N, C-alpha and C. Protein backbone atom coordinates (compact mmCIF):
# COMPACT_ATOMS: atom_id res chain seq x y z
N MET A 1 37.63 14.09 -35.06
CA MET A 1 37.42 15.26 -34.24
C MET A 1 37.21 14.80 -32.80
N ILE A 2 37.79 15.51 -31.89
CA ILE A 2 37.57 15.29 -30.47
C ILE A 2 36.63 16.38 -29.99
N ALA A 3 35.54 15.95 -29.31
CA ALA A 3 34.56 16.92 -28.82
C ALA A 3 34.23 16.59 -27.37
N ASN A 4 33.94 17.62 -26.64
CA ASN A 4 33.57 17.48 -25.24
C ASN A 4 32.06 17.53 -25.13
N HIS A 5 31.44 16.49 -24.55
CA HIS A 5 29.99 16.43 -24.40
C HIS A 5 29.64 16.22 -22.94
N ALA A 6 28.67 16.96 -22.45
CA ALA A 6 28.18 16.74 -21.08
C ALA A 6 27.15 15.62 -21.12
N CYS A 7 27.19 14.76 -20.12
CA CYS A 7 26.23 13.66 -20.06
C CYS A 7 25.95 13.33 -18.59
N VAL A 8 25.02 12.42 -18.39
CA VAL A 8 24.62 12.01 -17.05
C VAL A 8 24.85 10.51 -16.90
N THR A 9 25.54 10.10 -15.84
CA THR A 9 25.64 8.70 -15.46
C THR A 9 25.00 8.56 -14.08
N VAL A 10 24.57 7.36 -13.74
CA VAL A 10 23.84 7.17 -12.48
C VAL A 10 24.45 6.03 -11.70
N ALA A 11 24.64 6.26 -10.40
CA ALA A 11 25.11 5.22 -9.47
C ALA A 11 24.17 5.19 -8.28
N CYS A 12 23.94 4.00 -7.76
CA CYS A 12 23.08 3.84 -6.59
C CYS A 12 23.74 4.48 -5.37
N ASP A 13 22.97 5.28 -4.65
CA ASP A 13 23.50 5.94 -3.46
C ASP A 13 23.68 4.98 -2.28
N ILE A 14 23.10 3.79 -2.38
CA ILE A 14 23.23 2.82 -1.29
C ILE A 14 24.45 1.91 -1.52
N CYS A 15 24.50 1.23 -2.67
CA CYS A 15 25.56 0.24 -2.91
C CYS A 15 26.63 0.71 -3.89
N LYS A 16 26.44 1.90 -4.46
CA LYS A 16 27.39 2.53 -5.39
C LYS A 16 27.47 1.83 -6.75
N TYR A 17 26.52 0.92 -7.05
CA TYR A 17 26.47 0.26 -8.35
C TYR A 17 26.23 1.31 -9.43
N VAL A 18 27.10 1.36 -10.44
CA VAL A 18 26.95 2.28 -11.55
C VAL A 18 26.11 1.58 -12.61
N TYR A 19 24.99 2.20 -13.01
CA TYR A 19 24.09 1.57 -13.97
C TYR A 19 24.80 1.31 -15.29
N ASP A 20 24.70 0.06 -15.73
CA ASP A 20 25.21 -0.35 -17.04
C ASP A 20 24.23 -1.35 -17.64
N GLN A 21 23.97 -1.24 -18.92
CA GLN A 21 22.99 -2.12 -19.56
C GLN A 21 23.49 -3.54 -19.71
N ASP A 22 24.72 -3.71 -20.10
CA ASP A 22 25.23 -5.06 -20.41
C ASP A 22 26.47 -5.43 -19.61
N GLU A 23 26.69 -4.75 -18.50
CA GLU A 23 27.81 -5.01 -17.58
C GLU A 23 29.18 -4.79 -18.21
N SER A 24 29.24 -4.02 -19.30
CA SER A 24 30.54 -3.77 -19.91
C SER A 24 30.97 -2.31 -19.79
N HIS A 25 30.00 -1.40 -19.66
CA HIS A 25 30.34 0.02 -19.54
C HIS A 25 29.15 0.77 -18.95
N SER A 26 29.42 1.90 -18.34
CA SER A 26 28.33 2.70 -17.77
C SER A 26 27.55 3.36 -18.90
N VAL A 27 26.27 3.56 -18.66
CA VAL A 27 25.40 4.17 -19.65
C VAL A 27 25.45 5.68 -19.46
N HIS A 28 25.53 6.40 -20.55
CA HIS A 28 25.57 7.86 -20.54
C HIS A 28 24.26 8.38 -21.11
N PHE A 29 23.53 9.14 -20.29
CA PHE A 29 22.26 9.73 -20.71
C PHE A 29 22.49 11.18 -21.12
N ASP A 30 21.61 11.67 -22.00
CA ASP A 30 21.74 13.06 -22.46
C ASP A 30 21.40 14.06 -21.37
N ASP A 31 20.40 13.73 -20.52
CA ASP A 31 19.99 14.66 -19.47
C ASP A 31 19.35 13.90 -18.31
N LEU A 32 19.03 14.64 -17.25
CA LEU A 32 18.45 14.01 -16.06
C LEU A 32 17.10 13.38 -16.34
N ALA A 33 16.29 14.01 -17.16
CA ALA A 33 14.96 13.47 -17.47
C ALA A 33 15.07 12.12 -18.16
N GLU A 34 15.99 12.00 -19.10
CA GLU A 34 16.18 10.72 -19.79
C GLU A 34 16.65 9.64 -18.81
N ALA A 35 17.56 9.98 -17.94
CA ALA A 35 18.05 9.02 -16.94
C ALA A 35 16.93 8.59 -16.00
N ARG A 36 16.16 9.55 -15.51
CA ARG A 36 15.05 9.27 -14.60
C ARG A 36 14.02 8.35 -15.26
N ASN A 37 13.64 8.66 -16.49
CA ASN A 37 12.65 7.85 -17.20
C ASN A 37 13.14 6.42 -17.44
N ALA A 38 14.38 6.29 -17.84
CA ALA A 38 14.93 4.96 -18.12
C ALA A 38 15.04 4.12 -16.85
N LEU A 39 15.53 4.71 -15.79
CA LEU A 39 15.80 3.94 -14.57
C LEU A 39 14.54 3.64 -13.77
N THR A 40 13.58 4.55 -13.72
CA THR A 40 12.34 4.23 -13.00
C THR A 40 11.60 3.10 -13.69
N GLY A 41 11.74 2.99 -15.00
CA GLY A 41 11.15 1.88 -15.74
C GLY A 41 11.83 0.55 -15.45
N LEU A 42 13.01 0.60 -14.85
CA LEU A 42 13.76 -0.61 -14.51
C LEU A 42 13.73 -0.92 -13.01
N GLY A 43 12.86 -0.23 -12.27
CA GLY A 43 12.71 -0.52 -10.85
C GLY A 43 13.55 0.34 -9.93
N TRP A 44 14.31 1.27 -10.45
CA TRP A 44 15.08 2.17 -9.61
C TRP A 44 14.14 3.21 -8.99
N THR A 45 14.53 3.75 -7.85
CA THR A 45 13.81 4.84 -7.22
C THR A 45 14.69 6.08 -7.30
N ILE A 46 14.13 7.15 -7.85
CA ILE A 46 14.84 8.43 -7.92
C ILE A 46 14.06 9.41 -7.05
N THR A 47 14.68 9.92 -6.01
CA THR A 47 13.98 10.81 -5.08
C THR A 47 13.93 12.23 -5.63
N ALA A 48 13.11 13.06 -5.00
CA ALA A 48 12.97 14.45 -5.42
C ALA A 48 14.29 15.22 -5.32
N ASP A 49 15.15 14.82 -4.38
CA ASP A 49 16.43 15.52 -4.23
C ASP A 49 17.56 14.87 -5.03
N GLY A 50 17.20 13.95 -5.94
CA GLY A 50 18.19 13.37 -6.84
C GLY A 50 18.91 12.13 -6.34
N GLU A 51 18.49 11.58 -5.23
CA GLU A 51 19.11 10.34 -4.74
C GLU A 51 18.61 9.18 -5.60
N ALA A 52 19.51 8.30 -5.98
CA ALA A 52 19.16 7.14 -6.80
C ALA A 52 19.33 5.87 -5.98
N ILE A 53 18.31 5.02 -6.00
CA ILE A 53 18.35 3.75 -5.27
C ILE A 53 18.02 2.65 -6.27
N CYS A 54 18.96 1.74 -6.49
CA CYS A 54 18.77 0.69 -7.48
C CYS A 54 17.73 -0.34 -6.99
N SER A 55 17.42 -1.28 -7.84
CA SER A 55 16.35 -2.23 -7.55
C SER A 55 16.82 -3.44 -6.75
N MET A 56 18.02 -3.40 -6.20
CA MET A 56 18.51 -4.50 -5.36
C MET A 56 17.53 -4.70 -4.21
N ASP A 57 17.21 -5.95 -3.91
CA ASP A 57 16.16 -6.25 -2.92
C ASP A 57 16.78 -6.80 -1.63
N ASP A 58 17.65 -6.02 -1.01
CA ASP A 58 18.23 -6.45 0.27
C ASP A 58 17.77 -5.51 1.38
N GLY A 59 18.14 -5.80 2.59
CA GLY A 59 17.69 -5.03 3.74
C GLY A 59 18.08 -3.57 3.70
N GLU A 60 19.29 -3.29 3.27
CA GLU A 60 19.77 -1.90 3.25
C GLU A 60 18.99 -1.05 2.24
N HIS A 61 18.74 -1.61 1.06
CA HIS A 61 17.97 -0.89 0.05
C HIS A 61 16.51 -0.74 0.49
N GLN A 62 15.93 -1.80 1.06
CA GLN A 62 14.54 -1.72 1.51
C GLN A 62 14.38 -0.71 2.65
N ALA A 63 15.37 -0.63 3.53
CA ALA A 63 15.31 0.35 4.62
C ALA A 63 15.36 1.77 4.07
N ALA A 64 16.15 2.00 3.03
CA ALA A 64 16.23 3.33 2.42
C ALA A 64 14.90 3.70 1.78
N ILE A 65 14.25 2.74 1.12
CA ILE A 65 12.94 2.99 0.50
C ILE A 65 11.90 3.24 1.59
N ALA A 66 11.92 2.44 2.65
CA ALA A 66 10.95 2.59 3.74
C ALA A 66 11.09 3.95 4.42
N ALA A 67 12.31 4.46 4.52
CA ALA A 67 12.54 5.77 5.16
C ALA A 67 11.92 6.91 4.35
N LEU A 68 11.68 6.68 3.07
CA LEU A 68 11.06 7.70 2.22
C LEU A 68 9.55 7.77 2.38
N MET A 69 8.96 6.72 2.94
CA MET A 69 7.50 6.63 3.05
C MET A 69 6.98 7.44 4.23
N PRO A 70 5.80 8.03 4.07
CA PRO A 70 5.20 8.76 5.20
C PRO A 70 4.72 7.79 6.26
N PRO A 71 4.50 8.26 7.49
CA PRO A 71 4.00 7.35 8.52
C PRO A 71 2.60 6.86 8.16
N GLU A 72 2.25 5.68 8.65
CA GLU A 72 0.92 5.14 8.39
C GLU A 72 -0.12 6.03 9.05
N PRO A 73 -1.22 6.28 8.37
CA PRO A 73 -2.26 7.13 8.96
C PRO A 73 -3.00 6.41 10.08
N VAL A 74 -3.50 7.18 11.02
CA VAL A 74 -4.32 6.63 12.09
C VAL A 74 -5.75 6.60 11.58
N MET A 75 -6.32 5.42 11.54
CA MET A 75 -7.66 5.26 10.98
C MET A 75 -8.67 5.05 12.10
N GLN A 76 -9.08 6.12 12.71
CA GLN A 76 -10.06 6.05 13.78
C GLN A 76 -10.94 7.30 13.71
N VAL A 77 -12.23 7.09 13.60
CA VAL A 77 -13.16 8.22 13.53
C VAL A 77 -13.69 8.53 14.93
N PRO A 78 -14.15 9.76 15.17
CA PRO A 78 -14.67 10.11 16.48
C PRO A 78 -15.78 9.14 16.91
N GLY A 79 -15.69 8.66 18.15
CA GLY A 79 -16.67 7.73 18.70
C GLY A 79 -16.29 6.27 18.50
N GLN A 80 -15.34 5.99 17.65
CA GLN A 80 -14.92 4.62 17.39
C GLN A 80 -13.91 4.20 18.44
N LEU A 81 -14.02 2.95 18.89
CA LEU A 81 -13.05 2.43 19.85
C LEU A 81 -11.78 2.03 19.14
N GLY A 82 -10.65 2.41 19.73
CA GLY A 82 -9.36 2.01 19.20
C GLY A 82 -9.00 0.61 19.67
N PHE A 83 -7.91 0.09 19.17
CA PHE A 83 -7.46 -1.24 19.58
C PHE A 83 -7.13 -1.32 21.06
N ASP A 84 -6.78 -0.18 21.65
CA ASP A 84 -6.47 -0.17 23.08
C ASP A 84 -7.70 0.04 23.94
N GLY A 85 -8.90 0.12 23.31
CA GLY A 85 -10.14 0.25 24.05
C GLY A 85 -10.55 1.69 24.34
N THR A 86 -9.73 2.65 23.96
CA THR A 86 -10.09 4.05 24.19
C THR A 86 -10.89 4.58 23.01
N GLU A 87 -11.73 5.54 23.29
CA GLU A 87 -12.57 6.14 22.25
C GLU A 87 -11.86 7.31 21.62
N ALA A 88 -11.95 7.43 20.30
CA ALA A 88 -11.33 8.55 19.59
C ALA A 88 -11.95 9.86 20.04
N GLY A 89 -11.11 10.86 20.19
CA GLY A 89 -11.59 12.19 20.55
C GLY A 89 -11.84 12.36 22.04
N SER A 90 -11.51 11.35 22.85
CA SER A 90 -11.75 11.52 24.28
C SER A 90 -10.46 11.77 25.02
């Protein structure tokens, strides 16, 4: 019998690497949740809008991950001198 089945495959949005377990064929997941759970356990980053970033550790991938991070908080309380010598709140 020939049957049509919907499935999910995943490719890195940075380098276009298609996830495969043993380098012989792409892996087909039943749904997005299964794909997300499997790949985050392997070091992939899946963003809220569905972008997939593999675990490759090069500059382009690291820049994409860094762009997802919020800015560093300013840690200065009122009355405390900042590194530039100015007082917070003045």
